[in-house]
Amino acid sequence: MGRAFEYRKERKMRRWGAMAKAFTRIGKDIAIAVKAGGGDPDTNARLRALINNAKAANMPKATVEAAIKKATSKDTAGYEEQTYEGYGAHGVAIVVDTATDNPTRTIANLRAIFNKNGGTIGTSGSVEYMFKKKAMFKFNKGNWNLEELELELIDGGLTEITEEDGLVTAYAEFHDFGNLAKALEAKNIEVTESGYDKTPDFYKELGDAEAEEVIKLIEKLEEDDDVQQVFHNMK
């Protein structure tokens, strides 16, 4: 069938792989949100936000409903949120957030990935203090005047708002996640993605070749089934 077919097939498999990973990640997030705040999205702001994330990722509605139903079952083993810290090549700080039902497996896998890709896994608190955790919401700019919108959302906990290529990102302290979610809902703003970000206090600038070494490690970490998000301070 030729090289063109093989190339198209490879791209399709990558797309499917990325989609499957996204669905798994969202499913775990839903399970954690339901365990923490119940299965009713009307009273659980975090769950409402995740349902929006699922829609944006084209996750089937039936799959979302099944994830919520499964999480409300008393017989379902819950996922445990764990954060791991370490350094990549050239001193780049890395924070790895996971959701796992087997922490022993997770730490063993992550340690192997760090070691095989020029990094070292650290102890708790060795890196994360360099990062600030913030609630994050993204939506399309549309006709909104961002200066006016910023003033209107301050009471909802907004601390920063940015825009790039028509996509707006709004930030708040993480404990204000629910407050900002409600403020955006009150203004009928359709959030396309929400969650949290961990922004570093400072960035480390590397050359192209050095950066490639770190990117390889980050990609390997993101491929692990237990990993939800990876944050770093590489510029």
Foldseek 3Di string as FASTA:
>chain_A
DDPVVVVVVVVVVVVVLVLVLQLLLLLLQLLVQCVVFNLDCVRRVSNVQSVLQCVLSVNDPVSSVVSSVLSPDPPHQHWDWDKWWWAAPPGKTKIFIFTHPDVVVVVVLLQVLQVVLRMHTDDPPPGLVQWAKKKKWKAFCPPDDVVVVQVQQVVLAWDDWDDDPRMIMTIGRHVSNSSSSVSCVVVVTRTNHIDMDIAGPAADEDDPVRVVSVVVSLVSSSSDSGTNDMDIRHD
